Amino acid sequence: MSVEKWNPDQDGPLSEKALRQKLGQRGYRVTRYVYPPGTIFPEHTHSIDKIDGVLSGRFRMTLEGQEVVLGAGDCLAVPRGAVHSAEVVGNEPVVSLDAVKE
């Protein structure tokens, strides 16, 4: 599992517009979601490739048995068919860009 970190030197300041553009240039369709504290997504799969990008908050992701906590500017690729789960960590909502490629 590899987390892609936002690089301000290369990507500029982190913003919704900039992260949306970066994901869109890779051919992904991007949707913004806000998940309140306590939100849990139990193990599941998708029939599409996707990337979970975090603009703010902390999002614990488990992918194929490996766990990581994503923070602002972090992105995690979730391949189609991969078993994964997610959980908002702490008292701050997670603002997420959900990028899908069909």
N, C-alpha and C. Protein backbone atom coordinates (compact mmCIF):
# COMPACT_ATOMS: atom_id res chain seq x y z
N MET A 1 0.86 -1.17 0.00
CA MET A 1 0.00 0.00 0.00
C MET A 1 0.90 1.23 0.00
N SER A 2 0.61 2.15 -0.89
CA SER A 2 1.44 3.34 -1.01
C SER A 2 0.58 4.59 -0.93
N VAL A 3 0.89 5.45 0.05
CA VAL A 3 0.17 6.71 0.20
C VAL A 3 0.92 7.78 -0.58
N GLU A 4 0.21 8.48 -1.42
CA GLU A 4 0.79 9.60 -2.16
C GLU A 4 0.58 10.86 -1.35
N LYS A 5 1.66 11.52 -1.00
CA LYS A 5 1.62 12.75 -0.20
C LYS A 5 1.60 13.97 -1.11
N TRP A 6 0.86 14.99 -0.71
CA TRP A 6 0.86 16.26 -1.43
C TRP A 6 2.24 16.89 -1.28
N ASN A 7 2.81 17.36 -2.37
CA ASN A 7 4.13 17.98 -2.35
C ASN A 7 3.98 19.45 -2.72
N PRO A 8 3.99 20.36 -1.73
CA PRO A 8 3.78 21.78 -2.02
C PRO A 8 4.82 22.36 -2.97
N ASP A 9 6.04 21.83 -2.93
CA ASP A 9 7.08 22.34 -3.83
C ASP A 9 6.75 22.01 -5.28
N GLN A 10 6.16 20.86 -5.49
CA GLN A 10 5.82 20.42 -6.85
C GLN A 10 4.39 20.78 -7.23
N ASP A 11 3.45 20.61 -6.27
CA ASP A 11 2.03 20.74 -6.57
C ASP A 11 1.45 22.11 -6.21
N GLY A 12 2.21 22.94 -5.47
CA GLY A 12 1.69 24.22 -5.01
C GLY A 12 0.90 24.04 -3.72
N PRO A 13 0.25 25.11 -3.25
CA PRO A 13 -0.51 25.01 -2.01
C PRO A 13 -1.68 24.02 -2.16
N LEU A 14 -1.94 23.25 -1.10
CA LEU A 14 -3.06 22.31 -1.12
C LEU A 14 -4.38 23.08 -1.09
N SER A 15 -5.23 22.77 -2.05
CA SER A 15 -6.58 23.33 -2.09
C SER A 15 -7.48 22.30 -2.77
N GLU A 16 -8.77 22.46 -2.58
CA GLU A 16 -9.70 21.53 -3.23
C GLU A 16 -9.53 21.61 -4.75
N LYS A 17 -9.42 22.81 -5.27
CA LYS A 17 -9.29 22.98 -6.72
C LYS A 17 -8.03 22.28 -7.24
N ALA A 18 -6.91 22.45 -6.53
CA ALA A 18 -5.65 21.86 -7.00
C ALA A 18 -5.68 20.33 -6.93
N LEU A 19 -6.21 19.77 -5.83
CA LEU A 19 -6.27 18.31 -5.72
C LEU A 19 -7.26 17.74 -6.73
N ARG A 20 -8.38 18.41 -6.91
CA ARG A 20 -9.37 17.97 -7.89
C ARG A 20 -8.75 17.95 -9.29
N GLN A 21 -7.99 18.99 -9.62
CA GLN A 21 -7.35 19.08 -10.94
C GLN A 21 -6.31 17.97 -11.12
N LYS A 22 -5.52 17.71 -10.07
CA LYS A 22 -4.48 16.67 -10.15
C LYS A 22 -5.11 15.30 -10.41
N LEU A 23 -6.20 14.98 -9.72
CA LEU A 23 -6.88 13.71 -9.92
C LEU A 23 -7.58 13.66 -11.28
N GLY A 24 -8.19 14.76 -11.67
CA GLY A 24 -8.89 14.83 -12.95
C GLY A 24 -7.95 14.64 -14.13
N GLN A 25 -6.72 15.13 -14.01
CA GLN A 25 -5.74 14.98 -15.10
C GLN A 25 -5.35 13.53 -15.30
N ARG A 26 -5.59 12.70 -14.32
CA ARG A 26 -5.30 11.27 -14.43
C ARG A 26 -6.49 10.48 -14.97
N GLY A 27 -7.56 11.19 -15.32
CA GLY A 27 -8.71 10.52 -15.91
C GLY A 27 -9.77 10.10 -14.91
N TYR A 28 -9.70 10.62 -13.69
CA TYR A 28 -10.68 10.28 -12.67
C TYR A 28 -11.79 11.31 -12.61
N ARG A 29 -13.00 10.84 -12.32
CA ARG A 29 -14.14 11.71 -12.05
C ARG A 29 -14.17 11.93 -10.54
N VAL A 30 -14.22 13.18 -10.10
CA VAL A 30 -14.02 13.53 -8.70
C VAL A 30 -15.31 14.06 -8.07
N THR A 31 -15.62 13.54 -6.87
CA THR A 31 -16.78 13.99 -6.10
C THR A 31 -16.31 14.33 -4.69
N ARG A 32 -16.81 15.43 -4.14
CA ARG A 32 -16.45 15.86 -2.79
C ARG A 32 -17.47 15.32 -1.79
N TYR A 33 -16.94 14.79 -0.67
CA TYR A 33 -17.79 14.29 0.42
C TYR A 33 -17.27 14.84 1.74
N VAL A 34 -18.18 15.04 2.68
CA VAL A 34 -17.81 15.40 4.05
C VAL A 34 -18.38 14.32 4.96
N TYR A 35 -17.48 13.67 5.72
CA TYR A 35 -17.88 12.59 6.62
C TYR A 35 -17.72 13.06 8.06
N PRO A 36 -18.80 13.05 8.85
CA PRO A 36 -18.70 13.51 10.24
C PRO A 36 -17.93 12.54 11.12
N PRO A 37 -17.46 13.03 12.28
CA PRO A 37 -16.79 12.14 13.22
C PRO A 37 -17.68 10.93 13.54
N GLY A 38 -17.04 9.78 13.68
CA GLY A 38 -17.78 8.56 13.96
C GLY A 38 -18.19 7.77 12.74
N THR A 39 -18.00 8.34 11.55
CA THR A 39 -18.37 7.64 10.32
C THR A 39 -17.46 6.43 10.13
N ILE A 40 -18.08 5.28 9.86
CA ILE A 40 -17.35 4.04 9.61
C ILE A 40 -17.91 3.39 8.34
N PHE A 41 -17.00 2.98 7.47
CA PHE A 41 -17.35 2.19 6.29
C PHE A 41 -16.77 0.80 6.49
N PRO A 42 -17.63 -0.21 6.76
CA PRO A 42 -17.11 -1.56 6.97
C PRO A 42 -16.46 -2.11 5.70
N GLU A 43 -15.79 -3.24 5.82
CA GLU A 43 -15.12 -3.84 4.67
C GLU A 43 -16.07 -3.98 3.49
N HIS A 44 -15.55 -3.60 2.32
CA HIS A 44 -16.33 -3.67 1.08
C HIS A 44 -15.36 -3.63 -0.09
N THR A 45 -15.89 -3.78 -1.29
CA THR A 45 -15.12 -3.67 -2.53
C THR A 45 -15.87 -2.78 -3.50
N HIS A 46 -15.19 -2.37 -4.56
CA HIS A 46 -15.80 -1.62 -5.65
C HIS A 46 -15.46 -2.31 -6.96
N SER A 47 -16.31 -2.13 -7.95
CA SER A 47 -16.06 -2.71 -9.27
C SER A 47 -15.29 -1.75 -10.17
N ILE A 48 -14.78 -0.65 -9.57
CA ILE A 48 -14.02 0.36 -10.31
C ILE A 48 -12.75 0.69 -9.53
N ASP A 49 -11.76 1.25 -10.24
CA ASP A 49 -10.58 1.78 -9.58
C ASP A 49 -10.92 3.13 -8.99
N LYS A 50 -10.40 3.43 -7.78
CA LYS A 50 -10.68 4.72 -7.17
C LYS A 50 -9.49 5.21 -6.37
N ILE A 51 -9.52 6.49 -6.07
CA ILE A 51 -8.53 7.10 -5.20
C ILE A 51 -9.30 7.87 -4.13
N ASP A 52 -8.93 7.67 -2.87
CA ASP A 52 -9.46 8.47 -1.78
C ASP A 52 -8.44 9.55 -1.47
N GLY A 53 -8.83 10.81 -1.64
CA GLY A 53 -7.96 11.94 -1.33
C GLY A 53 -8.55 12.72 -0.16
N VAL A 54 -7.71 13.16 0.77
CA VAL A 54 -8.18 13.87 1.95
C VAL A 54 -7.75 15.33 1.88
N LEU A 55 -8.73 16.22 2.05
CA LEU A 55 -8.44 17.65 2.11
C LEU A 55 -8.25 18.11 3.54
N SER A 56 -9.02 17.55 4.47
CA SER A 56 -8.85 17.87 5.89
C SER A 56 -9.43 16.74 6.73
N GLY A 57 -9.00 16.70 7.99
CA GLY A 57 -9.42 15.63 8.88
C GLY A 57 -8.48 14.44 8.76
N ARG A 58 -8.84 13.37 9.46
CA ARG A 58 -8.01 12.15 9.45
C ARG A 58 -8.90 10.96 9.14
N PHE A 59 -8.46 10.14 8.19
CA PHE A 59 -9.25 9.03 7.67
C PHE A 59 -8.41 7.76 7.77
N ARG A 60 -8.81 6.83 8.66
CA ARG A 60 -8.11 5.56 8.78
C ARG A 60 -8.62 4.63 7.68
N MET A 61 -7.70 4.16 6.86
CA MET A 61 -8.05 3.25 5.77
C MET A 61 -7.35 1.92 6.00
N THR A 62 -8.09 0.85 5.81
CA THR A 62 -7.51 -0.49 5.83
C THR A 62 -7.72 -1.08 4.44
N LEU A 63 -6.62 -1.47 3.82
CA LEU A 63 -6.66 -1.99 2.45
C LEU A 63 -5.92 -3.31 2.42
N GLU A 64 -6.67 -4.39 2.11
CA GLU A 64 -6.08 -5.72 2.03
C GLU A 64 -5.28 -6.05 3.30
N GLY A 65 -5.83 -5.65 4.48
CA GLY A 65 -5.22 -5.99 5.75
C GLY A 65 -4.17 -5.02 6.26
N GLN A 66 -3.78 -4.03 5.45
CA GLN A 66 -2.81 -3.02 5.89
C GLN A 66 -3.54 -1.75 6.25
N GLU A 67 -3.11 -1.08 7.33
CA GLU A 67 -3.80 0.10 7.83
C GLU A 67 -2.90 1.34 7.73
N VAL A 68 -3.53 2.47 7.40
CA VAL A 68 -2.84 3.75 7.35
C VAL A 68 -3.84 4.84 7.73
N VAL A 69 -3.34 5.93 8.30
CA VAL A 69 -4.20 7.08 8.58
C VAL A 69 -3.82 8.18 7.61
N LEU A 70 -4.79 8.58 6.79
CA LEU A 70 -4.59 9.64 5.81
C LEU A 70 -4.91 10.99 6.44
N GLY A 71 -4.10 11.99 6.13
CA GLY A 71 -4.34 13.37 6.57
C GLY A 71 -4.43 14.28 5.37
N ALA A 72 -4.45 15.58 5.62
CA ALA A 72 -4.59 16.56 4.56
C ALA A 72 -3.53 16.38 3.48
N GLY A 73 -3.99 16.23 2.24
CA GLY A 73 -3.10 16.10 1.10
C GLY A 73 -2.71 14.67 0.75
N ASP A 74 -3.15 13.71 1.56
CA ASP A 74 -2.82 12.31 1.29
C ASP A 74 -3.84 11.68 0.35
N CYS A 75 -3.35 10.80 -0.51
CA CYS A 75 -4.21 10.05 -1.44
C CYS A 75 -3.83 8.58 -1.38
N LEU A 76 -4.85 7.74 -1.46
CA LEU A 76 -4.63 6.29 -1.47
C LEU A 76 -5.41 5.68 -2.63
N ALA A 77 -4.70 4.97 -3.50
CA ALA A 77 -5.33 4.27 -4.61
C ALA A 77 -5.94 2.97 -4.09
N VAL A 78 -7.20 2.74 -4.46
CA VAL A 78 -7.91 1.53 -4.08
C VAL A 78 -8.29 0.81 -5.37
N PRO A 79 -7.57 -0.25 -5.72
CA PRO A 79 -7.87 -0.96 -6.97
C PRO A 79 -9.23 -1.64 -6.93
N ARG A 80 -9.84 -1.78 -8.09
CA ARG A 80 -11.12 -2.49 -8.16
C ARG A 80 -10.98 -3.87 -7.55
N GLY A 81 -11.99 -4.26 -6.78
CA GLY A 81 -12.01 -5.57 -6.17
C GLY A 81 -11.23 -5.69 -4.87
N ALA A 82 -10.47 -4.65 -4.48
CA ALA A 82 -9.67 -4.71 -3.25
C ALA A 82 -10.58 -4.55 -2.02
N VAL A 83 -10.43 -5.44 -1.06
CA VAL A 83 -11.20 -5.34 0.18
C VAL A 83 -10.61 -4.20 1.02
N HIS A 84 -11.47 -3.26 1.42
CA HIS A 84 -11.01 -2.12 2.21
C HIS A 84 -12.12 -1.63 3.13
N SER A 85 -11.71 -0.84 4.13
CA SER A 85 -12.64 -0.19 5.04
C SER A 85 -12.08 1.19 5.37
N ALA A 86 -12.92 2.03 5.98
CA ALA A 86 -12.49 3.38 6.32
C ALA A 86 -13.22 3.85 7.57
N GLU A 87 -12.56 4.77 8.29
CA GLU A 87 -13.14 5.31 9.51
C GLU A 87 -12.60 6.71 9.76
N VAL A 88 -13.49 7.65 10.10
CA VAL A 88 -13.06 8.98 10.48
C VAL A 88 -12.43 8.89 11.87
N VAL A 89 -11.23 9.44 12.01
CA VAL A 89 -10.49 9.40 13.27
C VAL A 89 -10.54 10.79 13.91
N GLY A 90 -10.87 10.84 15.19
CA GLY A 90 -10.88 12.11 15.92
C GLY A 90 -12.21 12.82 15.84
N ASN A 91 -12.19 14.10 16.25
CA ASN A 91 -13.43 14.89 16.35
C ASN A 91 -13.66 15.83 15.19
N GLU A 92 -12.81 15.79 14.20
CA GLU A 92 -12.93 16.68 13.03
C GLU A 92 -13.52 15.90 11.86
N PRO A 93 -14.46 16.50 11.13
CA PRO A 93 -14.97 15.82 9.93
C PRO A 93 -13.84 15.61 8.91
N VAL A 94 -14.02 14.63 8.06
CA VAL A 94 -13.10 14.41 6.94
C VAL A 94 -13.73 15.00 5.69
N VAL A 95 -12.99 15.87 5.04
CA VAL A 95 -13.39 16.37 3.72
C VAL A 95 -12.57 15.57 2.73
N SER A 96 -13.27 14.80 1.89
CA SER A 96 -12.64 13.83 1.02
C SER A 96 -13.00 14.10 -0.43
N LEU A 97 -12.03 13.89 -1.31
CA LEU A 97 -12.30 13.85 -2.74
C LEU A 97 -12.23 12.40 -3.17
N ASP A 98 -13.36 11.89 -3.62
CA ASP A 98 -13.49 10.51 -4.05
C ASP A 98 -13.35 10.50 -5.56
N ALA A 99 -12.28 9.90 -6.06
CA ALA A 99 -12.00 9.91 -7.49
C ALA A 99 -12.19 8.50 -8.03
N VAL A 100 -13.00 8.38 -9.08
CA VAL A 100 -13.30 7.06 -9.64
C VAL A 100 -12.94 7.03 -11.12
N LYS A 101 -12.49 5.86 -11.56
CA LYS A 101 -12.17 5.64 -12.97
C LYS A 101 -12.90 4.37 -13.38
N GLU A 102 -13.77 4.49 -14.36
CA GLU A 102 -14.57 3.33 -14.77
C GLU A 102 -13.97 2.64 -15.96
